[in-house]
Protein backbone atom coordinates (compact mmCIF):
# COMPACT_ATOMS: atom_id res chain seq x y z
CA UNK A 1 24.39 -0.22 15.90
CA UNK A 2 20.65 -0.38 16.65
CA UNK A 3 20.32 -3.67 14.98
CA UNK A 4 23.13 -5.15 17.05
CA UNK A 5 21.68 -3.68 20.19
CA UNK A 6 18.23 -5.25 19.62
CA UNK A 7 19.67 -8.69 18.73
CA UNK A 8 22.01 -8.75 21.91
CA UNK A 9 19.27 -7.64 24.40
CA UNK A 10 19.49 -10.34 27.10
CA UNK A 11 16.44 -12.40 27.74
CA UNK A 12 15.80 -10.86 31.20
CA UNK A 13 15.67 -7.43 29.72
CA UNK A 14 13.35 -8.48 26.94
CA UNK A 15 11.03 -9.96 29.54
CA UNK A 16 11.17 -6.89 31.76
CA UNK A 17 10.73 -4.29 29.00
CA UNK A 18 8.08 -6.48 27.30
CA UNK A 19 5.91 -6.76 30.45
CA UNK A 20 6.13 -3.09 31.10
CA UNK A 21 5.07 -2.33 27.60
CA UNK A 22 2.20 -4.88 27.90
CA UNK A 23 1.11 -3.24 31.09
CA UNK A 24 0.90 0.09 29.37
CA UNK A 25 -1.14 -1.52 26.59
CA UNK A 26 -3.44 -3.06 29.20
CA UNK A 27 -4.12 0.30 30.83
CA UNK A 28 -4.90 2.21 27.58
CA UNK A 29 -6.28 -0.29 25.09
CA UNK A 30 -9.81 -0.44 26.47
CA UNK A 31 -11.48 -2.06 23.51
CA UNK A 32 -9.13 -5.10 23.33
CA UNK A 33 -8.96 -5.40 27.21
CA UNK A 34 -12.73 -5.63 27.12
CA UNK A 35 -12.74 -8.47 24.41
CA UNK A 36 -10.02 -10.42 26.42
CA UNK A 37 -12.04 -10.16 29.64
CA UNK A 38 -15.28 -11.22 28.01
CA UNK A 39 -13.62 -14.20 26.32
CA UNK A 40 -12.02 -15.34 29.57
CA UNK A 41 -15.26 -15.00 31.46
CA UNK A 42 -17.16 -16.83 28.64
CA UNK A 43 -14.56 -19.75 28.63
CA UNK A 44 -13.99 -19.93 32.32
CA UNK A 45 -17.26 -19.03 34.05
CA UNK A 46 -15.93 -20.52 37.34
CA UNK A 47 -13.22 -17.90 37.57
CA UNK A 48 -13.57 -14.95 39.93
CA UNK A 49 -13.35 -11.39 38.78
CA UNK A 50 -9.89 -11.08 40.28
CA UNK A 51 -8.69 -14.10 38.41
CA UNK A 52 -10.08 -12.68 35.15
CA UNK A 53 -8.31 -9.38 35.68
CA UNK A 54 -5.05 -11.06 36.73
CA UNK A 55 -4.93 -13.24 33.64
CA UNK A 56 -5.97 -10.46 31.31
CA UNK A 57 -3.10 -8.33 32.50
CA UNK A 58 -0.64 -11.25 32.00
CA UNK A 59 -1.96 -11.77 28.46
CA UNK A 60 -1.18 -8.19 27.61
CA UNK A 61 2.27 -8.46 29.24
CA UNK A 62 3.00 -11.61 27.20
CA UNK A 63 1.90 -9.76 24.08
CA UNK A 64 4.39 -6.93 24.82
CA UNK A 65 7.17 -9.67 25.19
CA UNK A 66 6.23 -11.06 21.78
CA UNK A 67 6.47 -7.69 20.15
CA UNK A 68 10.11 -7.23 21.36
CA UNK A 69 10.98 -10.83 20.36
CA UNK A 70 9.67 -10.24 16.88
CA UNK A 71 11.80 -7.11 16.63
CA UNK A 72 14.79 -9.29 17.60
CA UNK A 73 13.70 -11.94 15.23
CA UNK A 74 13.74 -9.55 12.28
CA UNK A 75 17.45 -8.88 12.96
CA UNK A 76 18.54 -12.41 14.00
CA UNK A 77 20.65 -14.90 12.07
CA UNK A 78 19.95 -18.57 11.94
CA UNK A 79 22.39 -19.24 14.77
CA UNK A 80 20.67 -16.58 16.89
CA UNK A 81 17.26 -18.27 16.34
CA UNK A 82 18.67 -21.71 17.41
CA UNK A 83 19.78 -20.18 20.76
CA UNK A 84 16.44 -18.50 21.51
CA UNK A 85 14.05 -21.50 21.47
CA UNK A 86 14.02 -25.07 22.79
CA UNK A 87 12.25 -28.01 21.21
CA UNK A 88 10.87 -31.14 22.77
CA UNK A 89 9.74 -34.22 20.98
CA UNK A 90 11.32 -33.40 17.69
CA UNK A 91 11.81 -37.20 16.98
CA UNK A 92 8.06 -37.47 16.51
CA UNK A 93 8.15 -34.98 13.64
CA UNK A 94 11.17 -36.67 12.03
CA UNK A 95 9.39 -39.99 12.13
CA UNK A 96 6.24 -38.47 10.58
CA UNK A 97 8.39 -36.99 7.79
CA UNK A 98 9.93 -40.39 7.11
CA UNK A 99 6.54 -41.68 5.99
CA UNK A 100 6.91 -39.55 2.91
CA UNK A 101 3.30 -38.51 2.88
CA UNK A 102 3.96 -34.97 3.98
CA UNK A 103 3.02 -33.69 7.40
CA UNK A 104 0.16 -31.49 8.53
CA UNK A 105 1.24 -29.42 11.53
CA UNK A 106 -1.60 -28.02 13.48
CA UNK A 107 -0.97 -25.11 15.90
CA UNK A 108 -2.46 -22.11 17.45
CA UNK A 109 -1.76 -18.45 18.32
CA UNK A 110 0.00 -19.68 21.41
CA UNK A 111 3.38 -18.60 22.91
CA UNK A 112 5.25 -16.83 20.16
CA UNK A 113 3.93 -18.67 17.17
CA UNK A 114 5.83 -16.47 14.73
CA UNK A 115 9.19 -17.33 16.33
CA UNK A 116 8.27 -20.96 16.48
CA UNK A 117 7.71 -20.95 12.74
CA UNK A 118 11.15 -19.47 12.15
CA UNK A 119 12.94 -21.68 14.61
CA UNK A 120 11.49 -24.84 13.21
CA UNK A 121 12.85 -23.99 9.79
CA UNK A 122 16.31 -23.28 11.11
CA UNK A 123 16.34 -26.33 13.35
CA UNK A 124 15.06 -28.88 10.76
CA UNK A 125 16.99 -27.10 7.91
CA UNK A 126 13.94 -27.71 5.85
CA UNK A 127 11.45 -24.96 4.79
CA UNK A 128 7.87 -25.02 6.04
CA UNK A 129 4.71 -23.93 4.16
CA UNK A 130 2.32 -21.98 6.29
CA UNK A 131 -1.25 -21.08 5.51
CA UNK A 132 -2.10 -17.52 6.50
CA UNK A 133 -4.84 -14.88 5.89
CA UNK A 134 -3.58 -11.90 3.88
CA UNK A 135 -3.60 -8.68 5.87
CA UNK A 136 -5.75 -5.79 4.52
CA UNK A 137 -2.97 -3.32 4.67
CA UNK A 138 -0.72 -4.12 1.59
CA UNK A 139 2.36 -2.49 3.16
CA UNK A 140 2.01 -4.27 6.46
CA UNK A 141 1.28 -7.61 4.59
CA UNK A 142 4.49 -7.18 2.67
CA UNK A 143 6.56 -6.59 5.82
CA UNK A 144 4.96 -9.64 7.61
CA UNK A 145 5.46 -11.86 4.54
CA UNK A 146 9.13 -10.86 4.27
CA UNK A 147 9.55 -11.60 7.93
CA UNK A 148 7.88 -15.05 7.77
CA UNK A 149 9.86 -16.07 4.60
CA UNK A 150 13.27 -14.75 5.51
CA UNK A 151 14.73 -18.25 6.27
CA UNK A 152 13.06 -19.98 3.26
CA UNK A 153 9.57 -20.58 4.47
CA UNK A 154 6.75 -20.35 2.01
CA UNK A 155 3.34 -18.74 2.73
CA UNK A 156 0.07 -19.86 1.10
CA UNK A 157 -2.79 -17.35 1.38
CA UNK A 158 -6.10 -18.84 2.27
CA UNK A 159 -8.26 -17.89 -0.69
CA UNK A 160 -8.30 -20.78 -3.07
CA UNK A 161 -5.40 -22.44 -1.28
CA UNK A 162 -6.57 -26.06 -1.27
CA UNK A 163 -4.88 -27.12 -4.44
CA UNK A 164 -1.50 -25.69 -3.46
CA UNK A 165 -1.88 -27.15 0.06
CA UNK A 166 -2.55 -30.62 -1.49
CA UNK A 167 0.53 -30.24 -3.74
CA UNK A 168 2.64 -29.36 -0.78
CA UNK A 169 1.82 -32.60 0.98
CA UNK A 170 2.08 -34.64 -2.16
CA UNK A 171 5.68 -33.42 -2.28
CA UNK A 172 6.37 -34.71 1.14
CA UNK A 173 6.61 -31.23 2.76
CA UNK A 174 5.45 -29.74 5.97
CA UNK A 175 2.23 -27.76 5.90
CA UNK A 176 1.36 -25.57 8.97
CA UNK A 177 -2.20 -24.60 9.72
CA UNK A 178 -3.40 -22.44 12.68
CA UNK A 179 -6.60 -24.01 13.88
CA UNK A 180 -7.83 -21.37 16.37
CA UNK A 181 -9.60 -19.08 13.88
CA UNK A 182 -12.20 -19.71 11.31
CA UNK A 183 -15.34 -18.16 9.81
CA UNK A 184 -18.72 -19.82 9.75
CA UNK A 185 -19.01 -20.02 5.91
CA UNK A 186 -15.78 -21.86 5.55
CA UNK A 187 -15.72 -24.01 8.71
CA UNK A 188 -17.58 -26.78 10.44
CA UNK A 189 -19.18 -26.46 13.80
CA UNK A 190 -17.18 -27.70 16.74
CA UNK A 191 -17.15 -27.36 20.63
CA UNK A 192 -14.40 -25.05 21.82
CA UNK A 193 -14.13 -24.42 25.50
CA UNK A 194 -17.65 -26.09 25.77
CA UNK A 195 -19.21 -23.43 23.39
CA UNK A 196 -20.23 -23.58 19.83
CA UNK A 197 -17.56 -22.28 17.45
CA UNK A 198 -16.31 -22.99 13.95
CA UNK A 199 -13.01 -24.51 12.78
CA UNK A 200 -11.55 -25.06 9.32
CA UNK A 201 -11.95 -28.63 8.06
CA UNK A 202 -8.92 -28.17 5.81
CA UNK A 203 -6.55 -30.18 8.01
CA UNK A 204 -8.98 -33.09 8.33
CA UNK A 205 -9.77 -33.05 4.61
CA UNK A 206 -6.12 -33.09 3.67
CA UNK A 207 -5.29 -35.90 6.17
CA UNK A 208 -8.02 -38.12 4.66
CA UNK A 209 -7.30 -37.22 1.07
CA UNK A 210 -3.39 -37.30 1.31
CA UNK A 211 -3.10 -39.86 4.16
CA UNK A 212 -0.83 -37.46 5.74
CA UNK A 213 -0.11 -37.50 9.55
CA UNK A 214 -1.55 -34.64 11.62
CA UNK A 215 1.08 -33.51 14.25
CA UNK A 216 0.07 -30.96 16.88
CA UNK A 217 2.99 -28.54 17.66
CA UNK A 218 2.55 -25.76 20.07
CA UNK A 219 4.79 -23.15 21.49
CA UNK A 220 4.73 -21.87 25.11
CA UNK A 221 6.91 -19.95 27.49
CA UNK A 222 8.26 -21.86 30.52
CA UNK A 223 8.49 -20.29 34.06
CA UNK A 224 11.91 -19.01 33.15
CA UNK A 225 10.56 -17.03 30.26
CA UNK A 226 12.18 -19.34 27.65
CA UNK A 227 10.22 -20.35 24.55
CA UNK A 228 9.73 -24.09 24.15
CA UNK A 229 8.22 -25.92 21.13
CA UNK A 230 6.41 -29.06 22.04
CA UNK A 231 5.82 -31.74 19.47
CA UNK A 232 2.99 -34.05 20.33
CA UNK A 233 2.11 -37.47 18.92
CA UNK A 234 0.06 -37.52 15.68
CA UNK A 235 -3.72 -37.38 16.04
CA UNK A 236 -5.42 -40.66 15.07
CA UNK A 237 -7.58 -39.66 12.12
CA UNK A 238 -10.90 -41.41 11.89
CA UNK A 239 -11.98 -42.86 8.50
CA UNK A 240 -15.44 -44.38 8.19
CA UNK A 241 -16.12 -43.61 4.47
CA UNK A 242 -18.59 -40.95 5.36
CA UNK A 243 -16.74 -37.71 4.40
CA UNK A 244 -19.12 -35.31 5.98
CA UNK A 245 -19.09 -37.16 9.23
CA UNK A 246 -15.33 -37.72 9.24
CA UNK A 247 -14.64 -34.13 8.56
CA UNK A 248 -16.69 -33.06 11.58
CA UNK A 249 -15.24 -35.86 13.81
CA UNK A 250 -11.60 -35.21 12.94
CA UNK A 251 -11.97 -31.42 13.09
CA UNK A 252 -13.26 -31.82 16.58
CA UNK A 253 -10.35 -34.03 17.53
CA UNK A 254 -7.94 -31.45 16.24
CA UNK A 255 -9.80 -28.64 18.08
CA UNK A 256 -9.64 -30.58 21.32
CA UNK A 257 -5.93 -30.78 20.92
CA UNK A 258 -5.77 -26.99 20.54
CA UNK A 259 -7.94 -26.43 23.56
CA UNK A 260 -5.87 -28.67 25.76
CA UNK A 261 -2.72 -26.71 24.76
CA UNK A 262 -4.37 -23.39 25.46
CA UNK A 263 -5.73 -24.52 28.90
CA UNK A 264 -2.19 -25.41 30.05
CA UNK A 265 -1.03 -21.86 29.42
CA UNK A 266 -4.24 -19.66 29.09
CA UNK A 267 -2.24 -16.45 29.65
CA UNK A 268 -0.21 -17.14 26.45
CA UNK A 269 -3.02 -17.42 23.95
CA UNK A 270 -4.28 -14.52 21.78
CA UNK A 271 -7.67 -13.93 23.54
CA UNK A 272 -8.18 -10.80 21.38
CA UNK A 273 -9.52 -13.16 18.77
CA UNK A 274 -13.24 -12.94 18.45
CA UNK A 275 -13.40 -16.74 18.47
CA UNK A 276 -17.14 -17.14 19.23
CA UNK A 277 -18.70 -14.24 17.26
CA UNK A 278 -20.40 -16.51 14.68
CA UNK A 279 -22.69 -18.09 17.28
CA UNK A 280 -22.52 -15.57 20.06
CA UNK A 281 -22.35 -12.10 18.38
CA UNK A 282 -23.66 -10.36 21.54
CA UNK A 283 -20.46 -11.27 23.25
CA UNK A 284 -18.83 -8.57 21.12
CA UNK A 285 -21.80 -6.10 21.15
CA UNK A 286 -19.57 -2.98 20.65
CA UNK A 287 -18.09 -4.41 17.46
CA UNK A 288 -21.61 -5.27 16.28
CA UNK A 289 -22.89 -1.75 17.02
CA UNK A 290 -19.81 -0.09 15.30
CA UNK A 291 -20.30 -2.28 12.24
CA UNK A 292 -23.85 -1.16 11.91
CA UNK A 293 -22.84 2.53 12.17
CA UNK A 294 -20.34 2.07 9.45
CA UNK A 295 -22.75 0.20 7.17
CA UNK A 296 -25.37 3.03 7.72
CA UNK A 297 -22.74 5.62 6.69
CA UNK A 298 -21.76 3.54 3.56
CA UNK A 299 -25.37 3.19 2.64
CA UNK A 300 -25.84 6.96 2.83
CA UNK A 301 -22.89 7.37 0.47
CA UNK A 302 -24.63 4.98 -1.91
CA UNK A 303 -22.09 2.14 -1.45
CA UNK A 304 -24.31 -0.87 -1.50
CA UNK A 305 -23.21 -4.43 -0.79
CA UNK A 306 -20.06 -3.20 0.93
CA UNK A 307 -17.95 -5.85 2.55
CA UNK A 308 -18.17 -6.22 6.34
CA UNK A 309 -15.61 -4.13 8.15
CA UNK A 310 -14.95 -6.50 11.07
CA UNK A 311 -13.14 -9.70 10.44
CA UNK A 312 -11.40 -12.20 12.64
């Protein structure tokens, strides 16, 4: 009965309840609210304080809606999924697949990215392979993995993933990579919102190596609250023969595509991500101080070379 109730919740009720829940989170989740506001101020220095506060609240409200949508998604059939999302530009993706070189789909934590993944599989009737970071909590990781793969999708976890990613493209399949999160030691430097950041060069490397088209696909919510998947034209990959230079140039082109998508709907991106911490650690000073306290406690216990507590 509960399952049927969740699935049948009308869109207007999901939007209303999600916004209310998000507003509650905004009021009580001070640490994440602080990160969101600082990220917005850092990225949009021309915005007023009232603008920052208004967009911050809408970000939390949008997150509340996502949570309810994911609960629905966990109970939905393929037919349910096809009725929940719209797609624009699907012919671009079909044409890219017809080249039989595989397709690298680049995206971001925008709109409801989890639902976009599931919908794409149901719509294309073709499984996708997504690259993800394994969650630290094993039980939570199993639940999320089950949710992501329930319609036939495959998940590759980042550590040592390049050979499997290459094989996926060689087989003419779709490989999805979220491009809005990366660590300094496994990324290249790019400009993101006019600031120094890092981005994974994996998409650029695979595009050069496998000659696969790179297709930006982003999810957003329209003014009526409906989820829309927008397929954009493939990014023109530069090939000069200088691999190091080509990786940096093409990763920047891909990052620019991500930034443009976020700027169109800034209140629908996951601004909780500590996207600039590699180059601007003082932006997240509370996290830095807390990490130091934890490391001191671990040192007192004799636990040397402990791994960092905070991660993107």
